[in-house]
């Protein structure tokens, strides 16, 4: 579901001229003044994409409030005229930094935000010397281990790139050679499965944890998933594999820190149409271990009593996770000719379930309402599951979930209580990708 209309700005040329456009002629720092905020105020970062051009326009909003009254002003947003990735370190972040991964190059930009909300470009790092991957794909497969060390999974080239996210320089993982070395994943290559994909790795203490899906040359789904774990203390590598659960990425964690990786809409649709050998599934890695847990495999179509398509898993509360399940109305749309993008409309429903129970059943989340002019099911969203957590200055520690059901705006819900969610705001211009607190 791409956005084709954005009320505050009627055309891409207007948006780039008036909405804090990122201008290469000015060191990529151009932004109209936001705030100024009081130095004691919190600062939140909200990132969305406006699909006013084929390339997309990335909008970065800074605000000192986050509620139904918050105004997201495109004239003071940092606008980058391409479909960038976004990341903020979850731990120590003394410079209030956030990172943009470029779609048209292998560059990460590091932006810093001062105490009153002024954004400036701190530095850049160009990975083109070690990979041809786009900055967006790399950043969506990056985890920040500390202010001085981060890992980017280059799934296409089967390597993990270490870098210093403050100094924005590569880290040599083998100083015995003259070149800048990366962590090679060549040993897990599958000659008959040349296509790979991965997104949204996680951490387990000091360890970087990710899964990589392996596919045929035509992206046929083999069921092969590889686990890669790197200990950030010494860059040591551990790997494992399964062949009975495919297309898993992203992760959820239970109360004990165990990690769950779930398949997405493509797998669910292939199984529904009789094309896929494997049901949409969740696999688990126990905290502190280096292997998949062979005792656990969830068939997500068993989450409902009528075998509806299901996708994704993200962290909820305690042992509960959240996912998306196709509504009954959505299921009536599925035919042999249906492709996944046909179902990327607001016909999916949010559910909670017990991550630890591979035979769990799901409960539909209450409190989600449709945005005005939405044309999907009541409380529906597109097949895209985005969430996170931060300390809200009024609500305390919360988890949030994105809802996208109209073209013009996105909504954020407080998803801390699995019984019922509450709306934080439904006024974010564009298609939401990230919400976080910088300070």
Protein backbone atom coordinates (compact mmCIF):
# COMPACT_ATOMS: atom_id res chain seq x y z
CA UNK A 1 0.00 0.00 0.00
CA UNK A 2 1.88 3.06 -1.21
CA UNK A 3 0.82 6.55 -0.32
CA UNK A 4 -0.28 8.71 -3.22
CA UNK A 5 -1.73 11.69 -1.37
CA UNK A 6 -0.40 13.76 1.47
CA UNK A 7 -2.63 16.59 2.60
CA UNK A 8 -0.01 19.05 3.96
CA UNK A 9 1.91 19.12 0.66
CA UNK A 10 0.19 18.65 -2.69
CA UNK A 11 3.13 17.62 -4.82
CA UNK A 12 6.62 16.27 -4.40
CA UNK A 13 8.17 19.50 -5.62
CA UNK A 14 6.25 21.47 -2.99
CA UNK A 15 7.18 18.98 -0.29
CA UNK A 16 10.88 19.14 -1.05
CA UNK A 17 10.83 22.92 -1.24
CA UNK A 18 8.82 23.51 1.91
CA UNK A 19 9.18 20.46 4.16
CA UNK A 20 12.71 20.75 5.52
CA UNK A 21 14.26 19.10 2.45
CA UNK A 22 17.62 17.41 2.87
CA UNK A 23 19.83 19.35 0.46
CA UNK A 24 23.13 17.95 -0.80
CA UNK A 25 24.36 21.47 -1.56
CA UNK A 26 24.17 22.22 2.15
CA UNK A 27 25.97 19.19 3.55
CA UNK A 28 22.73 17.21 3.84
CA UNK A 29 21.75 19.27 6.87
CA UNK A 30 18.88 21.43 5.62
CA UNK A 31 15.93 21.62 7.97
CA UNK A 32 13.67 24.42 9.06
CA UNK A 33 13.88 25.02 12.79
CA UNK A 34 11.74 22.74 14.95
CA UNK A 35 11.04 23.86 18.48
CA UNK A 36 13.09 25.12 20.10
CA UNK A 37 12.38 22.65 22.89
CA UNK A 38 13.18 23.26 26.51
CA UNK A 39 16.35 21.31 27.41
CA UNK A 40 14.30 19.42 30.02
CA UNK A 41 11.75 18.25 27.44
CA UNK A 42 11.71 14.73 26.01
CA UNK A 43 12.46 14.41 22.29
CA UNK A 44 10.69 11.79 20.19
CA UNK A 45 11.59 10.76 16.64
CA UNK A 46 8.85 9.62 14.26
CA UNK A 47 9.81 8.45 10.76
CA UNK A 48 7.44 7.86 7.86
CA UNK A 49 7.58 7.64 4.08
CA UNK A 50 5.43 9.70 1.72
CA UNK A 51 4.89 7.91 -1.60
CA UNK A 52 4.53 11.07 -3.67
CA UNK A 53 7.25 9.89 -6.05
CA UNK A 54 8.38 6.45 -7.13
CA UNK A 55 11.51 6.97 -5.00
CA UNK A 56 9.52 7.97 -1.91
CA UNK A 57 10.25 10.83 0.47
CA UNK A 58 11.44 9.97 3.98
CA UNK A 59 10.08 12.30 6.67
CA UNK A 60 11.71 12.57 10.10
CA UNK A 61 9.62 14.39 12.70
CA UNK A 62 10.98 15.58 16.04
CA UNK A 63 8.51 16.43 18.78
CA UNK A 64 8.49 16.99 22.53
CA UNK A 65 5.00 15.49 22.90
CA UNK A 66 3.43 12.29 21.64
CA UNK A 67 -0.35 12.21 21.99
CA UNK A 68 -3.53 12.97 20.07
CA UNK A 69 -2.77 16.69 20.18
CA UNK A 70 0.74 16.41 18.72
CA UNK A 71 1.16 18.22 15.40
CA UNK A 72 3.45 16.58 12.83
CA UNK A 73 4.53 19.53 10.70
CA UNK A 74 5.99 18.55 7.32
CA UNK A 75 7.57 22.01 7.05
CA UNK A 76 9.88 21.25 9.98
CA UNK A 77 10.45 17.57 9.20
CA UNK A 78 13.84 16.46 7.93
CA UNK A 79 12.93 15.22 4.44
CA UNK A 80 15.22 12.93 2.43
CA UNK A 81 14.05 12.33 -1.16
CA UNK A 82 14.45 8.55 -1.16
CA UNK A 83 13.20 5.47 0.70
CA UNK A 84 15.64 5.35 3.59
CA UNK A 85 16.03 2.92 6.45
CA UNK A 86 15.91 4.20 10.02
CA UNK A 87 17.55 3.08 13.26
CA UNK A 88 18.15 4.38 16.77
CA UNK A 89 20.45 2.60 19.25
CA UNK A 90 18.39 0.95 21.98
CA UNK A 91 21.04 1.40 24.67
CA UNK A 92 23.49 4.18 25.41
CA UNK A 93 23.01 7.03 22.93
CA UNK A 94 24.72 10.10 24.39
CA UNK A 95 24.48 12.22 21.22
CA UNK A 96 20.74 11.59 20.69
CA UNK A 97 21.77 10.07 17.37
CA UNK A 98 19.68 8.41 14.69
CA UNK A 99 20.77 6.76 11.48
CA UNK A 100 19.43 6.87 7.91
CA UNK A 101 20.36 4.13 5.44
CA UNK A 102 20.30 5.36 1.84
CA UNK A 103 18.34 3.47 -0.82
CA UNK A 104 20.44 4.71 -3.76
CA UNK A 105 23.87 4.06 -2.24
CA UNK A 106 25.63 2.00 0.43
CA UNK A 107 25.77 4.96 2.83
CA UNK A 108 24.61 5.38 6.42
CA UNK A 109 24.14 8.92 7.68
CA UNK A 110 24.43 9.68 11.39
CA UNK A 111 22.27 12.59 12.53
CA UNK A 112 22.59 14.09 16.01
CA UNK A 113 19.98 16.12 17.87
CA UNK A 114 20.91 18.77 20.43
CA UNK A 115 19.07 19.51 23.67
CA UNK A 116 16.63 21.92 21.99
CA UNK A 117 15.80 19.70 19.00
CA UNK A 118 18.14 21.00 16.30
CA UNK A 119 19.22 18.25 13.87
CA UNK A 120 22.65 18.17 12.26
CA UNK A 121 24.48 15.63 10.13
CA UNK A 122 27.22 14.19 12.30
CA UNK A 123 29.01 11.93 9.82
CA UNK A 124 28.57 9.27 7.15
CA UNK A 125 29.96 5.83 6.46
CA UNK A 126 30.10 4.33 2.96
CA UNK A 127 30.10 0.52 2.84
CA UNK A 128 30.67 0.34 -0.94
CA UNK A 129 34.25 -0.80 -0.38
CA UNK A 130 33.01 -4.07 1.12
CA UNK A 131 29.50 -4.54 -0.35
CA UNK A 132 27.12 -3.48 -3.07
CA UNK A 133 24.11 -3.67 -0.75
CA UNK A 134 21.97 -0.58 -0.30
CA UNK A 135 22.26 1.40 2.89
CA UNK A 136 18.56 0.81 3.56
CA UNK A 137 18.86 -2.98 3.43
CA UNK A 138 22.00 -2.92 5.55
CA UNK A 139 20.50 -0.66 8.21
CA UNK A 140 17.36 -2.81 8.45
CA UNK A 141 19.71 -5.70 9.24
CA UNK A 142 21.85 -3.80 11.78
CA UNK A 143 22.07 -3.98 15.56
CA UNK A 144 23.98 -1.52 17.76
CA UNK A 145 25.91 -3.42 20.40
CA UNK A 146 27.48 -0.35 22.05
CA UNK A 147 28.32 3.27 21.15
CA UNK A 148 31.53 1.94 19.57
CA UNK A 149 30.39 -1.28 17.92
CA UNK A 150 27.57 -2.34 15.61
CA UNK A 151 27.01 -5.20 13.18
CA UNK A 152 25.34 -4.98 9.76
CA UNK A 153 24.25 -8.27 8.19
CA UNK A 154 24.93 -8.26 4.45
CA UNK A 155 22.71 -11.23 3.65
CA UNK A 156 23.22 -10.97 -0.12
CA UNK A 157 27.00 -11.33 0.15
CA UNK A 158 26.87 -13.59 3.22
CA UNK A 159 28.98 -11.49 5.53
CA UNK A 160 28.62 -9.45 8.70
CA UNK A 161 30.20 -6.00 8.69
CA UNK A 162 31.43 -4.52 11.96
CA UNK A 163 31.62 -0.74 12.32
CA UNK A 164 31.95 1.99 14.93
CA UNK A 165 28.60 3.84 14.93
CA UNK A 166 30.00 6.92 16.67
CA UNK A 167 33.16 7.45 14.62
CA UNK A 168 31.43 5.95 11.54
CA UNK A 169 34.38 3.83 10.49
CA UNK A 170 34.69 0.14 9.64
CA UNK A 171 36.10 -2.22 12.25
CA UNK A 172 38.64 -4.78 11.06
CA UNK A 173 37.60 -8.17 12.48
CA UNK A 174 40.92 -9.79 11.53
CA UNK A 175 43.96 -7.57 12.06
CA UNK A 176 46.35 -10.25 10.76
CA UNK A 177 45.64 -9.14 7.19
CA UNK A 178 46.14 -5.80 5.47
CA UNK A 179 42.53 -5.52 4.27
CA UNK A 180 39.50 -4.51 6.28
CA UNK A 181 38.02 -7.92 7.04
CA UNK A 182 34.37 -8.75 7.63
CA UNK A 183 32.91 -11.84 9.30
CA UNK A 184 32.42 -14.35 6.51
CA UNK A 185 29.29 -16.50 6.29
CA UNK A 186 30.55 -18.40 3.24
CA UNK A 187 30.25 -21.73 5.07
CA UNK A 188 26.45 -21.48 5.17
CA UNK A 189 26.07 -20.83 1.43
CA UNK A 190 23.62 -23.08 -0.44
CA UNK A 191 24.54 -23.50 -4.10
CA UNK A 192 21.03 -24.59 -5.08
CA UNK A 193 19.44 -21.73 -3.12
CA UNK A 194 21.16 -18.57 -4.39
CA UNK A 195 18.61 -16.02 -3.14
CA UNK A 196 18.72 -14.81 0.47
CA UNK A 197 16.82 -12.38 2.67
CA UNK A 198 16.98 -11.06 6.22
CA UNK A 199 15.63 -8.10 8.14
CA UNK A 200 15.41 -6.88 11.76
CA UNK A 201 17.99 -8.92 13.71
CA UNK A 202 17.94 -8.91 17.50
CA UNK A 203 20.35 -9.16 20.42
CA UNK A 204 20.86 -11.65 23.24
CA UNK A 205 22.96 -9.82 25.79
CA UNK A 206 26.27 -9.08 24.07
CA UNK A 207 25.38 -11.26 21.09
CA UNK A 208 24.06 -10.32 17.66
CA UNK A 209 21.35 -12.77 16.53
CA UNK A 210 19.81 -13.00 13.06
CA UNK A 211 18.12 -15.44 10.72
CA UNK A 212 18.63 -15.67 6.95
CA UNK A 213 16.12 -17.26 4.60
CA UNK A 214 17.46 -19.17 1.57
CA UNK A 215 15.46 -19.41 -1.67
CA UNK A 216 15.66 -20.77 -5.17
CA UNK A 217 16.70 -18.64 -8.12
CA UNK A 218 13.01 -17.85 -8.72
CA UNK A 219 12.51 -17.06 -5.01
CA UNK A 220 10.79 -20.40 -4.49
CA UNK A 221 10.46 -21.15 -0.79
CA UNK A 222 12.61 -24.05 0.34
CA UNK A 223 11.96 -23.99 4.07
CA UNK A 224 15.66 -23.42 4.73
CA UNK A 225 16.55 -20.88 7.42
CA UNK A 226 20.01 -20.27 8.84
CA UNK A 227 20.81 -18.84 12.28
CA UNK A 228 23.86 -16.60 12.72
CA UNK A 229 25.11 -15.43 16.10
CA UNK A 230 28.13 -13.18 16.72
CA UNK A 231 29.61 -12.54 20.17
CA UNK A 232 30.51 -8.85 20.19
CA UNK A 233 33.26 -9.39 22.76
CA UNK A 234 35.46 -11.33 20.33
CA UNK A 235 33.56 -11.47 16.99
CA UNK A 236 33.24 -15.25 17.26
CA UNK A 237 30.57 -16.83 15.06
CA UNK A 238 28.07 -19.61 15.65
CA UNK A 239 25.55 -20.93 13.09
CA UNK A 240 22.72 -23.41 12.87
CA UNK A 241 19.95 -24.29 10.38
CA UNK A 242 16.46 -25.73 9.98
CA UNK A 243 14.68 -26.97 6.88
CA UNK A 244 11.08 -26.97 8.10
CA UNK A 245 10.26 -23.28 8.55
CA UNK A 246 10.84 -20.64 5.97
CA UNK A 247 10.86 -16.90 5.34
CA UNK A 248 11.35 -16.01 9.00
CA UNK A 249 12.66 -12.59 9.98
CA UNK A 250 12.23 -10.10 12.75
CA UNK A 251 11.77 -11.50 16.23
CA UNK A 252 9.76 -11.49 19.42
CA UNK A 253 11.01 -12.17 22.93
CA UNK A 254 9.26 -13.79 25.87
CA UNK A 255 9.77 -12.87 29.53
CA UNK A 256 12.89 -15.07 29.74
CA UNK A 257 14.49 -13.44 26.69
CA UNK A 258 13.98 -16.44 24.40
CA UNK A 259 13.74 -15.37 20.75
CA UNK A 260 10.98 -16.28 18.29
CA UNK A 261 11.24 -15.87 14.51
CA UNK A 262 8.08 -15.94 12.40
CA UNK A 263 7.26 -16.29 8.71
CA UNK A 264 5.40 -13.58 6.79
CA UNK A 265 2.52 -13.12 4.35
CA UNK A 266 4.24 -14.72 1.35
CA UNK A 267 4.60 -18.02 3.22
CA UNK A 268 1.03 -17.93 4.48
CA UNK A 269 -0.34 -17.25 1.00
CA UNK A 270 1.77 -19.95 -0.65
CA UNK A 271 0.51 -22.50 1.87
CA UNK A 272 -3.09 -21.34 1.46
CA UNK A 273 -2.84 -21.77 -2.32
CA UNK A 274 -1.20 -25.17 -2.04
CA UNK A 275 2.13 -23.94 -3.41
CA UNK A 276 4.15 -23.97 -0.20
CA UNK A 277 5.49 -27.11 1.43
CA UNK A 278 5.45 -25.50 4.86
CA UNK A 279 2.73 -23.82 6.89
CA UNK A 280 3.40 -20.30 8.20
CA UNK A 281 5.46 -20.96 11.27
CA UNK A 282 7.44 -19.74 14.26
CA UNK A 283 10.76 -21.19 15.40
CA UNK A 284 12.64 -20.46 18.61
CA UNK A 285 16.17 -19.85 19.91
CA UNK A 286 16.56 -20.13 23.66
CA UNK A 287 18.45 -17.29 25.34
CA UNK A 288 22.15 -18.01 25.73
CA UNK A 289 22.18 -20.86 23.20
CA UNK A 290 23.63 -21.09 19.69
CA UNK A 291 21.04 -23.32 18.03
CA UNK A 292 17.38 -23.48 17.08
CA UNK A 293 15.24 -25.18 19.70
CA UNK A 294 14.20 -28.45 18.02
CA UNK A 295 11.46 -28.99 20.60
CA UNK A 296 9.49 -25.97 19.37
CA UNK A 297 7.66 -25.39 16.08
CA UNK A 298 4.41 -23.41 15.84
CA UNK A 299 2.02 -23.72 12.91
CA UNK A 300 0.52 -20.23 12.90
CA UNK A 301 -2.59 -21.31 11.03
CA UNK A 302 -3.54 -23.23 14.17
CA UNK A 303 -3.81 -19.94 16.07
CA UNK A 304 -7.42 -19.71 14.86
CA UNK A 305 -10.11 -22.39 14.70
CA UNK A 306 -10.61 -21.92 10.96
CA UNK A 307 -7.00 -21.94 9.76
CA UNK A 308 -6.77 -18.32 8.71
CA UNK A 309 -3.53 -16.98 7.24
CA UNK A 310 -1.18 -15.51 9.86
CA UNK A 311 2.10 -13.64 9.71
CA UNK A 312 4.83 -12.12 11.90
CA UNK A 313 5.57 -12.10 15.60
CA UNK A 314 6.67 -9.15 17.72
CA UNK A 315 7.21 -8.66 21.44
CA UNK A 316 4.14 -7.95 23.53
CA UNK A 317 3.93 -8.20 27.33
CA UNK A 318 5.53 -10.96 29.37
CA UNK A 319 5.20 -14.20 27.42
CA UNK A 320 2.62 -12.74 25.03
CA UNK A 321 3.49 -11.78 21.49
CA UNK A 322 1.51 -10.01 18.78
CA UNK A 323 0.94 -10.94 15.16
CA UNK A 324 -1.41 -10.32 12.23
CA UNK A 325 -4.13 -12.74 11.18
CA UNK A 326 -6.11 -12.34 7.99
CA UNK A 327 -9.75 -11.49 8.65
CA UNK A 328 -12.62 -13.65 7.43
CA UNK A 329 -13.36 -10.92 4.88
CA UNK A 330 -9.78 -11.03 3.68
CA UNK A 331 -9.89 -14.79 3.27
CA UNK A 332 -12.77 -14.53 0.84
CA UNK A 333 -10.47 -12.53 -1.44
CA UNK A 334 -7.88 -15.30 -1.80
CA UNK A 335 -7.89 -17.19 -5.10
CA UNK A 336 -5.28 -19.12 -7.07
CA UNK A 337 -4.34 -15.88 -8.85
CA UNK A 338 -3.88 -13.82 -5.66
CA UNK A 339 -0.39 -12.50 -4.96
CA UNK A 340 0.76 -11.12 -1.63
CA UNK A 341 0.55 -7.47 -2.62
CA UNK A 342 -3.16 -7.91 -3.35
CA UNK A 343 -3.62 -8.49 0.39
CA UNK A 344 -1.53 -5.52 1.48
CA UNK A 345 -4.73 -3.68 2.29
CA UNK A 346 -6.47 -3.15 5.66
CA UNK A 347 -7.96 -6.65 6.00
CA UNK A 348 -5.55 -7.95 8.67
CA UNK A 349 -6.31 -7.98 12.41
CA UNK A 350 -4.00 -7.69 15.43
CA UNK A 351 -3.92 -10.68 17.77
CA UNK A 352 -2.06 -11.73 20.92
CA UNK A 353 -0.89 -15.25 21.77
CA UNK A 354 1.38 -17.12 24.19
CA UNK A 355 4.79 -17.31 22.56
CA UNK A 356 5.93 -20.16 24.80
CA UNK A 357 3.08 -22.51 23.81
CA UNK A 358 3.54 -23.94 20.31
CA UNK A 359 -0.14 -25.02 20.43
CA UNK A 360 -1.45 -21.61 21.50
CA UNK A 361 -4.61 -20.02 20.20
CA UNK A 362 -4.79 -16.31 19.43
CA UNK A 363 -7.02 -13.60 20.88
CA UNK A 364 -8.05 -10.60 18.80
CA UNK A 365 -6.83 -7.35 20.34
CA UNK A 366 -9.53 -4.91 21.40
CA UNK A 367 -9.35 -1.12 21.16
CA UNK A 368 -8.12 -0.77 17.57
CA UNK A 369 -10.39 1.46 15.51
CA UNK A 370 -10.45 2.45 11.87
CA UNK A 371 -9.19 5.82 10.73
CA UNK A 372 -11.75 8.12 9.10
CA UNK A 373 -12.25 7.17 5.42
CA UNK A 374 -10.59 3.77 5.87
CA UNK A 375 -12.01 1.23 3.42
CA UNK A 376 -10.85 -2.01 5.02
CA UNK A 377 -12.41 -3.97 7.85
CA UNK A 378 -13.10 -2.20 11.19
CA UNK A 379 -9.81 -1.89 13.05
CA UNK A 380 -7.88 -3.43 10.17
CA UNK A 381 -4.33 -2.77 9.01
CA UNK A 382 -2.16 -3.64 6.03
CA UNK A 383 0.11 -6.71 6.10
CA UNK A 384 2.95 -4.90 7.80
CA UNK A 385 3.73 -5.34 11.49
CA UNK A 386 5.86 -2.64 13.12
CA UNK A 387 6.33 -2.11 16.83
CA UNK A 388 8.85 -1.10 19.47
CA UNK A 389 9.18 0.14 23.01
CA UNK A 390 10.36 3.23 24.87
CA UNK A 391 9.71 5.26 28.00
CA UNK A 392 6.90 7.73 27.36
CA UNK A 393 7.22 10.82 29.54
CA UNK A 394 3.56 10.57 30.60
CA UNK A 395 2.65 6.90 30.13
CA UNK A 396 5.86 5.30 31.41
CA UNK A 397 7.42 2.24 29.78
CA UNK A 398 5.25 1.24 26.85
CA UNK A 399 5.24 -0.88 23.73
CA UNK A 400 3.75 0.64 20.57
CA UNK A 401 2.25 -0.73 17.41
CA UNK A 402 1.73 0.93 14.04
CA UNK A 403 -1.62 0.78 12.24
CA UNK A 404 -1.86 1.76 8.57
CA UNK A 405 -5.34 1.74 7.04
CA UNK A 406 -5.52 4.91 4.91
CA UNK A 407 -3.15 6.48 2.39
CA UNK A 408 -2.69 9.88 3.99
CA UNK A 409 -1.75 9.09 7.60
CA UNK A 410 -0.61 6.40 10.03
CA UNK A 411 -1.61 5.65 13.61
CA UNK A 412 0.33 4.66 16.74
CA UNK A 413 -1.24 2.58 19.50
CA UNK A 414 -0.09 1.99 23.06
CA UNK A 415 0.06 -1.81 22.92
CA UNK A 416 1.31 -2.40 26.47
CA UNK A 417 -1.95 -3.98 27.67
CA UNK A 418 -2.66 -7.06 25.50
CA UNK A 419 -6.35 -6.98 26.44
CA UNK A 420 -7.01 -3.61 24.85
CA UNK A 421 -4.89 -1.02 23.11
CA UNK A 422 -5.29 2.76 23.26
CA UNK A 423 -4.70 5.23 20.45
CA UNK A 424 -1.75 7.60 20.89
CA UNK A 425 -2.19 9.47 17.59
CA UNK A 426 -3.62 8.86 14.12
CA UNK A 427 -2.17 11.99 12.54
CA UNK A 428 1.28 10.97 11.31
CA UNK A 429 1.70 12.01 7.65
CA UNK A 430 2.80 9.19 5.39
CA UNK A 431 3.43 5.49 6.01
CA UNK A 432 4.89 5.00 9.48
CA UNK A 433 8.19 3.14 9.92
CA UNK A 434 9.57 4.09 13.33
CA UNK A 435 8.74 5.72 16.66
CA UNK A 436 11.29 6.21 19.41
CA UNK A 437 12.55 8.50 22.14
CA UNK A 438 15.95 10.13 21.67
CA UNK A 439 16.13 11.85 25.08
